[in-house]
Amino acid sequence: MITPEKQIQRALRHVAERFPQGSEPVLTDIVVRVFPHSGEVKFYDDDERELMRIVIPEWIHGSRDVDFYQKVTPILRNAIGEVRTEVIDTMSLLRPYTFVMQDEDAETLTDLYIVDDNETVIISGNLLEGVDEDLDCFFKDLMAD
């Protein structure tokens, strides 16, 4: 049986075929929308055009699991990380671009993969995660001086 991570990698390869290396770069982000009731994972561009869809049987009825999205996030990130150099980084997308995960209601949950103009790549965690606490500490230290 093929693992969810391998299924996602295969789907990413198909998505990349839409943006072949050497073609005119396109301004888009890639949206990964996960449907816990059906186990579907759909890939969209910025214009809501569906690029690919798969069903991951292990994720069917995931809505029963309170932490469903927290459990699938590292699987999605790992799949992206595994095909990053051979597939993702060769896509003809204008920088900056992002792979974002959305829930079934199209609400953005997290950034899965971020590439900016300066070749910076972030593949885990949210870009600004914990920034509030860091700013609070900085301000407290600044005011103490």
N, C-alpha and C. Protein backbone atom coordinates (compact mmCIF):
# COMPACT_ATOMS: atom_id res chain seq x y z
N MET A 1 0.85 -1.18 0.00
CA MET A 1 0.00 0.00 0.00
C MET A 1 0.89 1.24 0.00
N ILE A 2 0.54 2.18 -0.82
CA ILE A 2 1.33 3.41 -0.94
C ILE A 2 0.99 4.35 0.23
N THR A 3 2.02 4.96 0.80
CA THR A 3 1.82 5.84 1.96
C THR A 3 1.23 7.18 1.52
N PRO A 4 0.58 7.89 2.44
CA PRO A 4 0.07 9.22 2.10
C PRO A 4 1.17 10.15 1.58
N GLU A 5 2.35 10.08 2.18
CA GLU A 5 3.45 10.94 1.74
C GLU A 5 3.84 10.65 0.28
N LYS A 6 3.88 9.37 -0.09
CA LYS A 6 4.21 9.00 -1.47
C LYS A 6 3.11 9.44 -2.44
N GLN A 7 1.85 9.34 -2.01
CA GLN A 7 0.75 9.80 -2.85
C GLN A 7 0.85 11.30 -3.11
N ILE A 8 1.19 12.05 -2.07
CA ILE A 8 1.32 13.50 -2.20
C ILE A 8 2.50 13.84 -3.11
N GLN A 9 3.60 13.12 -2.96
CA GLN A 9 4.76 13.35 -3.82
C GLN A 9 4.40 13.13 -5.29
N ARG A 10 3.68 12.06 -5.55
CA ARG A 10 3.24 11.77 -6.92
C ARG A 10 2.35 12.89 -7.45
N ALA A 11 1.44 13.37 -6.61
CA ALA A 11 0.56 14.47 -7.02
C ALA A 11 1.36 15.74 -7.29
N LEU A 12 2.36 16.01 -6.47
CA LEU A 12 3.19 17.20 -6.69
C LEU A 12 3.94 17.12 -8.01
N ARG A 13 4.35 15.94 -8.38
CA ARG A 13 5.01 15.77 -9.68
C ARG A 13 4.05 16.12 -10.83
N HIS A 14 2.79 15.71 -10.68
CA HIS A 14 1.80 16.05 -11.71
C HIS A 14 1.51 17.55 -11.73
N VAL A 15 1.45 18.17 -10.56
CA VAL A 15 1.25 19.62 -10.49
C VAL A 15 2.41 20.33 -11.19
N ALA A 16 3.63 19.87 -10.93
CA ALA A 16 4.82 20.50 -11.52
C ALA A 16 4.80 20.43 -13.04
N GLU A 17 4.17 19.40 -13.60
CA GLU A 17 4.07 19.28 -15.05
C GLU A 17 3.31 20.45 -15.67
N ARG A 18 2.46 21.11 -14.88
CA ARG A 18 1.71 22.28 -15.36
C ARG A 18 2.59 23.51 -15.48
N PHE A 19 3.74 23.48 -14.78
CA PHE A 19 4.66 24.61 -14.76
C PHE A 19 6.07 24.12 -15.11
N PRO A 20 6.26 23.64 -16.34
CA PRO A 20 7.54 23.01 -16.70
C PRO A 20 8.71 23.99 -16.67
N GLN A 21 9.85 23.46 -16.29
CA GLN A 21 11.08 24.24 -16.26
C GLN A 21 11.37 24.76 -17.66
N GLY A 22 11.78 26.02 -17.73
CA GLY A 22 12.11 26.62 -19.01
C GLY A 22 10.96 27.37 -19.65
N SER A 23 9.73 27.15 -19.17
CA SER A 23 8.60 27.90 -19.73
C SER A 23 8.52 29.26 -19.03
N GLU A 24 7.69 30.12 -19.56
CA GLU A 24 7.51 31.46 -19.01
C GLU A 24 7.00 31.34 -17.56
N PRO A 25 7.71 31.95 -16.59
CA PRO A 25 7.27 31.85 -15.20
C PRO A 25 5.89 32.45 -14.99
N VAL A 26 5.13 31.85 -14.11
CA VAL A 26 3.76 32.24 -13.82
C VAL A 26 3.70 32.76 -12.40
N LEU A 27 2.90 33.80 -12.21
CA LEU A 27 2.69 34.35 -10.87
C LEU A 27 1.57 33.57 -10.20
N THR A 28 1.93 32.71 -9.28
CA THR A 28 0.91 31.93 -8.59
C THR A 28 1.48 31.36 -7.30
N ASP A 29 0.60 31.05 -6.40
CA ASP A 29 0.90 30.23 -5.23
C ASP A 29 0.18 28.91 -5.46
N ILE A 30 0.57 27.91 -4.72
CA ILE A 30 -0.10 26.62 -4.81
C ILE A 30 -0.87 26.40 -3.51
N VAL A 31 -2.15 26.14 -3.66
CA VAL A 31 -3.03 25.90 -2.52
C VAL A 31 -3.26 24.40 -2.41
N VAL A 32 -3.05 23.87 -1.22
CA VAL A 32 -3.31 22.46 -0.95
C VAL A 32 -4.51 22.44 0.00
N ARG A 33 -5.64 22.01 -0.53
CA ARG A 33 -6.88 21.99 0.26
C ARG A 33 -7.17 20.55 0.66
N VAL A 34 -7.34 20.34 1.96
CA VAL A 34 -7.53 19.00 2.50
C VAL A 34 -8.97 18.87 3.00
N PHE A 35 -9.63 17.79 2.59
CA PHE A 35 -11.02 17.52 2.94
C PHE A 35 -11.08 16.29 3.85
N PRO A 36 -11.23 16.49 5.14
CA PRO A 36 -11.16 15.35 6.06
C PRO A 36 -12.33 14.37 5.96
N HIS A 37 -13.48 14.78 5.48
CA HIS A 37 -14.61 13.85 5.35
C HIS A 37 -14.38 12.82 4.26
N SER A 38 -13.77 13.27 3.15
CA SER A 38 -13.62 12.40 1.98
C SER A 38 -12.19 11.90 1.78
N GLY A 39 -11.24 12.48 2.51
CA GLY A 39 -9.84 12.11 2.31
C GLY A 39 -9.23 12.73 1.07
N GLU A 40 -9.96 13.64 0.43
CA GLU A 40 -9.45 14.29 -0.77
C GLU A 40 -8.40 15.34 -0.43
N VAL A 41 -7.43 15.45 -1.30
CA VAL A 41 -6.45 16.52 -1.26
C VAL A 41 -6.46 17.12 -2.66
N LYS A 42 -6.78 18.41 -2.73
CA LYS A 42 -6.86 19.09 -4.02
C LYS A 42 -5.80 20.18 -4.06
N PHE A 43 -5.21 20.34 -5.23
CA PHE A 43 -4.18 21.34 -5.46
C PHE A 43 -4.75 22.38 -6.41
N TYR A 44 -4.63 23.66 -6.04
CA TYR A 44 -5.17 24.76 -6.83
C TYR A 44 -4.08 25.80 -7.08
N ASP A 45 -4.30 26.61 -8.12
CA ASP A 45 -3.45 27.79 -8.31
C ASP A 45 -4.18 28.98 -7.68
N ASP A 46 -3.59 30.18 -7.82
CA ASP A 46 -4.18 31.40 -7.24
C ASP A 46 -5.57 31.72 -7.77
N ASP A 47 -5.85 31.29 -8.97
CA ASP A 47 -7.13 31.60 -9.60
C ASP A 47 -8.19 30.52 -9.34
N GLU A 48 -7.93 29.67 -8.33
CA GLU A 48 -8.86 28.61 -7.95
C GLU A 48 -9.05 27.55 -9.03
N ARG A 49 -8.10 27.47 -9.97
CA ARG A 49 -8.14 26.40 -10.96
C ARG A 49 -7.56 25.15 -10.32
N GLU A 50 -8.31 24.08 -10.41
CA GLU A 50 -7.84 22.82 -9.84
C GLU A 50 -6.73 22.26 -10.72
N LEU A 51 -5.61 21.95 -10.09
CA LEU A 51 -4.45 21.41 -10.80
C LEU A 51 -4.38 19.90 -10.68
N MET A 52 -4.84 19.37 -9.56
CA MET A 52 -4.72 17.92 -9.30
C MET A 52 -5.58 17.59 -8.10
N ARG A 53 -6.04 16.36 -8.05
CA ARG A 53 -6.77 15.88 -6.87
C ARG A 53 -6.43 14.43 -6.65
N ILE A 54 -6.34 14.08 -5.38
CA ILE A 54 -6.09 12.69 -4.99
C ILE A 54 -6.98 12.38 -3.79
N VAL A 55 -7.14 11.10 -3.53
CA VAL A 55 -7.84 10.66 -2.33
C VAL A 55 -6.85 9.81 -1.53
N ILE A 56 -6.72 10.16 -0.27
CA ILE A 56 -5.85 9.40 0.63
C ILE A 56 -6.78 8.61 1.56
N PRO A 57 -6.90 7.30 1.32
CA PRO A 57 -7.86 6.49 2.08
C PRO A 57 -7.69 6.60 3.61
N GLU A 58 -6.45 6.70 4.06
CA GLU A 58 -6.21 6.79 5.50
C GLU A 58 -6.78 8.07 6.10
N TRP A 59 -7.04 9.07 5.27
CA TRP A 59 -7.54 10.35 5.78
C TRP A 59 -9.06 10.47 5.69
N ILE A 60 -9.73 9.47 5.13
CA ILE A 60 -11.19 9.50 5.06
C ILE A 60 -11.74 9.46 6.47
N HIS A 61 -12.72 10.28 6.72
CA HIS A 61 -13.34 10.43 8.03
C HIS A 61 -12.37 11.04 9.04
N GLY A 62 -11.40 11.79 8.55
CA GLY A 62 -10.47 12.48 9.43
C GLY A 62 -11.13 13.54 10.27
N SER A 63 -12.35 13.94 9.89
CA SER A 63 -13.07 14.96 10.65
C SER A 63 -13.40 14.49 12.05
N ARG A 64 -13.33 13.20 12.27
CA ARG A 64 -13.58 12.66 13.61
C ARG A 64 -12.40 12.92 14.55
N ASP A 65 -11.25 13.21 13.95
CA ASP A 65 -10.03 13.44 14.71
C ASP A 65 -9.87 14.94 14.95
N VAL A 66 -9.89 15.35 16.21
CA VAL A 66 -9.80 16.76 16.56
C VAL A 66 -8.51 17.39 16.03
N ASP A 67 -7.42 16.65 16.04
CA ASP A 67 -6.12 17.16 15.62
C ASP A 67 -5.78 16.79 14.17
N PHE A 68 -6.79 16.58 13.34
CA PHE A 68 -6.56 16.10 11.98
C PHE A 68 -5.56 16.98 11.22
N TYR A 69 -5.80 18.27 11.18
CA TYR A 69 -4.93 19.15 10.39
C TYR A 69 -3.52 19.23 10.97
N GLN A 70 -3.40 19.14 12.29
CA GLN A 70 -2.07 19.12 12.89
C GLN A 70 -1.32 17.84 12.53
N LYS A 71 -2.05 16.76 12.33
CA LYS A 71 -1.41 15.49 11.98
C LYS A 71 -1.01 15.43 10.51
N VAL A 72 -1.79 16.05 9.62
CA VAL A 72 -1.48 15.98 8.20
C VAL A 72 -0.44 17.02 7.77
N THR A 73 -0.30 18.10 8.54
CA THR A 73 0.66 19.15 8.18
C THR A 73 2.08 18.62 8.03
N PRO A 74 2.63 17.87 8.99
CA PRO A 74 4.00 17.38 8.80
C PRO A 74 4.12 16.40 7.64
N ILE A 75 3.07 15.67 7.34
CA ILE A 75 3.10 14.73 6.21
C ILE A 75 3.22 15.53 4.91
N LEU A 76 2.43 16.59 4.79
CA LEU A 76 2.49 17.45 3.60
C LEU A 76 3.86 18.11 3.48
N ARG A 77 4.37 18.62 4.59
CA ARG A 77 5.69 19.27 4.56
C ARG A 77 6.79 18.27 4.20
N ASN A 78 6.73 17.08 4.75
CA ASN A 78 7.73 16.06 4.42
C ASN A 78 7.67 15.69 2.94
N ALA A 79 6.47 15.56 2.42
CA ALA A 79 6.32 15.22 1.00
C ALA A 79 6.92 16.32 0.12
N ILE A 80 6.66 17.58 0.47
CA ILE A 80 7.23 18.70 -0.28
C ILE A 80 8.75 18.68 -0.15
N GLY A 81 9.23 18.46 1.05
CA GLY A 81 10.67 18.43 1.28
C GLY A 81 11.38 17.34 0.50
N GLU A 82 10.73 16.20 0.36
CA GLU A 82 11.34 15.08 -0.37
C GLU A 82 11.47 15.34 -1.86
N VAL A 83 10.53 16.10 -2.44
CA VAL A 83 10.58 16.35 -3.88
C VAL A 83 10.99 17.79 -4.21
N ARG A 84 11.40 18.51 -3.20
CA ARG A 84 11.72 19.93 -3.36
C ARG A 84 12.73 20.18 -4.47
N THR A 85 13.90 19.58 -4.39
CA THR A 85 14.95 19.92 -5.35
C THR A 85 14.68 19.39 -6.75
N GLU A 86 14.09 18.21 -6.85
CA GLU A 86 13.86 17.64 -8.18
C GLU A 86 12.58 18.12 -8.83
N VAL A 87 11.60 18.57 -8.05
CA VAL A 87 10.29 18.92 -8.61
C VAL A 87 9.92 20.37 -8.33
N ILE A 88 9.78 20.72 -7.07
CA ILE A 88 9.25 22.03 -6.69
C ILE A 88 10.16 23.16 -7.18
N ASP A 89 11.45 23.05 -6.91
CA ASP A 89 12.37 24.13 -7.26
C ASP A 89 12.58 24.28 -8.77
N THR A 90 12.10 23.32 -9.55
CA THR A 90 12.24 23.43 -11.00
C THR A 90 10.97 23.99 -11.66
N MET A 91 9.93 24.19 -10.88
CA MET A 91 8.69 24.73 -11.43
C MET A 91 8.91 26.18 -11.87
N SER A 92 8.28 26.56 -12.95
CA SER A 92 8.44 27.93 -13.46
C SER A 92 7.42 28.86 -12.80
N LEU A 93 7.67 29.13 -11.52
CA LEU A 93 6.83 30.04 -10.75
C LEU A 93 7.65 31.29 -10.43
N LEU A 94 7.00 32.45 -10.54
CA LEU A 94 7.67 33.69 -10.18
C LEU A 94 7.82 33.75 -8.66
N ARG A 95 8.96 34.23 -8.22
CA ARG A 95 9.20 34.39 -6.79
C ARG A 95 8.72 35.75 -6.34
N PRO A 96 8.22 35.88 -5.16
CA PRO A 96 8.04 34.86 -4.13
C PRO A 96 6.78 34.03 -4.40
N TYR A 97 6.81 32.80 -3.92
CA TYR A 97 5.62 31.95 -3.99
C TYR A 97 5.55 31.09 -2.73
N THR A 98 4.36 30.54 -2.52
CA THR A 98 4.09 29.78 -1.30
C THR A 98 3.20 28.60 -1.62
N PHE A 99 3.39 27.51 -0.91
CA PHE A 99 2.44 26.42 -0.86
C PHE A 99 1.71 26.60 0.46
N VAL A 100 0.40 26.74 0.42
CA VAL A 100 -0.38 26.93 1.65
C VAL A 100 -1.38 25.80 1.80
N MET A 101 -1.66 25.44 3.04
CA MET A 101 -2.68 24.44 3.31
C MET A 101 -3.95 25.15 3.75
N GLN A 102 -5.05 24.73 3.14
CA GLN A 102 -6.36 25.26 3.51
C GLN A 102 -7.25 24.11 3.95
N ASP A 103 -8.25 24.47 4.75
CA ASP A 103 -9.24 23.47 5.14
C ASP A 103 -10.31 23.39 4.06
N GLU A 104 -11.31 22.57 4.30
CA GLU A 104 -12.34 22.35 3.29
C GLU A 104 -13.19 23.58 3.01
N ASP A 105 -13.13 24.58 3.90
CA ASP A 105 -13.86 25.83 3.70
C ASP A 105 -12.99 26.91 3.06
N ALA A 106 -11.83 26.52 2.57
CA ALA A 106 -10.88 27.42 1.91
C ALA A 106 -10.28 28.45 2.86
N GLU A 107 -10.23 28.11 4.13
CA GLU A 107 -9.57 28.97 5.12
C GLU A 107 -8.11 28.53 5.22
N THR A 108 -7.20 29.49 5.09
CA THR A 108 -5.78 29.16 5.16
C THR A 108 -5.41 28.78 6.59
N LEU A 109 -4.76 27.62 6.71
CA LEU A 109 -4.35 27.12 8.03
C LEU A 109 -2.87 27.36 8.30
N THR A 110 -2.04 27.14 7.30
CA THR A 110 -0.60 27.29 7.51
C THR A 110 0.13 27.36 6.18
N ASP A 111 1.30 27.94 6.22
CA ASP A 111 2.21 27.91 5.08
C ASP A 111 3.00 26.61 5.16
N LEU A 112 3.05 25.89 4.07
CA LEU A 112 3.79 24.63 4.03
C LEU A 112 5.20 24.83 3.49
N TYR A 113 5.34 25.77 2.56
CA TYR A 113 6.61 25.97 1.88
C TYR A 113 6.62 27.39 1.34
N ILE A 114 7.67 28.15 1.66
CA ILE A 114 7.76 29.55 1.25
C ILE A 114 9.09 29.76 0.56
N VAL A 115 9.05 30.41 -0.60
CA VAL A 115 10.26 30.80 -1.31
C VAL A 115 10.14 32.29 -1.58
N ASP A 116 11.14 33.07 -1.13
CA ASP A 116 11.08 34.50 -1.38
C ASP A 116 12.01 34.89 -2.53
N ASP A 117 12.13 36.18 -2.77
CA ASP A 117 12.94 36.69 -3.87
C ASP A 117 14.43 36.42 -3.71
N ASN A 118 14.88 36.20 -2.49
CA ASN A 118 16.31 36.08 -2.22
C ASN A 118 16.76 34.64 -2.02
N GLU A 119 16.05 33.70 -2.63
CA GLU A 119 16.41 32.28 -2.53
C GLU A 119 16.20 31.70 -1.13
N THR A 120 15.54 32.44 -0.25
CA THR A 120 15.25 31.92 1.09
C THR A 120 14.11 30.94 0.99
N VAL A 121 14.29 29.79 1.61
CA VAL A 121 13.26 28.75 1.60
C VAL A 121 12.92 28.42 3.05
N ILE A 122 11.63 28.40 3.35
CA ILE A 122 11.16 28.00 4.66
C ILE A 122 10.20 26.85 4.45
N ILE A 123 10.52 25.70 5.04
CA ILE A 123 9.69 24.53 4.80
C ILE A 123 9.02 24.01 6.06
N SER A 124 9.28 24.60 7.21
CA SER A 124 8.61 24.12 8.42
C SER A 124 8.17 25.29 9.26
N GLY A 125 7.03 25.12 9.88
CA GLY A 125 6.51 26.15 10.78
C GLY A 125 6.03 27.37 10.03
N ASN A 126 5.32 28.21 10.75
CA ASN A 126 4.85 29.45 10.18
C ASN A 126 5.97 30.48 10.22
N LEU A 127 5.99 31.32 9.23
CA LEU A 127 7.03 32.32 9.10
C LEU A 127 7.09 33.23 10.32
N LEU A 128 5.97 33.62 10.84
CA LEU A 128 5.93 34.56 11.95
C LEU A 128 5.52 33.92 13.27
N GLU A 129 5.66 32.63 13.36
CA GLU A 129 5.28 31.92 14.57
C GLU A 129 6.12 32.41 15.75
N GLY A 130 5.46 32.82 16.84
CA GLY A 130 6.15 33.26 18.04
C GLY A 130 6.64 34.69 17.99
N VAL A 131 6.32 35.42 16.92
CA VAL A 131 6.82 36.78 16.78
C VAL A 131 6.25 37.70 17.85
N ASP A 132 5.01 37.49 18.29
CA ASP A 132 4.42 38.33 19.33
C ASP A 132 5.22 38.25 20.62
N GLU A 133 5.56 37.04 21.03
CA GLU A 133 6.33 36.86 22.25
C GLU A 133 7.71 37.48 22.13
N ASP A 134 8.35 37.33 20.96
CA ASP A 134 9.66 37.93 20.74
C ASP A 134 9.60 39.45 20.81
N LEU A 135 8.58 40.03 20.22
CA LEU A 135 8.43 41.48 20.26
C LEU A 135 8.14 41.98 21.67
N ASP A 136 7.32 41.23 22.41
CA ASP A 136 7.04 41.61 23.80
C ASP A 136 8.31 41.63 24.64
N CYS A 137 9.14 40.59 24.48
CA CYS A 137 10.41 40.52 25.22
C CYS A 137 11.34 41.65 24.80
N PHE A 138 11.41 41.92 23.51
CA PHE A 138 12.26 42.99 23.00
C PHE A 138 11.82 44.34 23.57
N PHE A 139 10.51 44.60 23.55
CA PHE A 139 9.98 45.86 24.05
C PHE A 139 10.23 45.98 25.55
N LYS A 140 10.04 44.90 26.28
CA LYS A 140 10.28 44.90 27.73
C LYS A 140 11.75 45.23 28.02
N ASP A 141 12.68 44.60 27.30
CA ASP A 141 14.10 44.85 27.48
C ASP A 141 14.46 46.29 27.09
N LEU A 142 13.85 46.79 26.04
CA LEU A 142 14.10 48.15 25.57
C LEU A 142 13.65 49.17 26.61
N MET A 143 12.48 48.93 27.18
CA MET A 143 11.94 49.86 28.18
C MET A 143 12.71 49.80 29.50
N ALA A 144 13.33 48.65 29.78
CA ALA A 144 14.11 48.51 31.01
C ALA A 144 15.38 49.35 30.97
N ASP A 145 15.89 49.59 29.76
CA ASP A 145 17.12 50.39 29.62
C ASP A 145 16.78 51.81 29.77
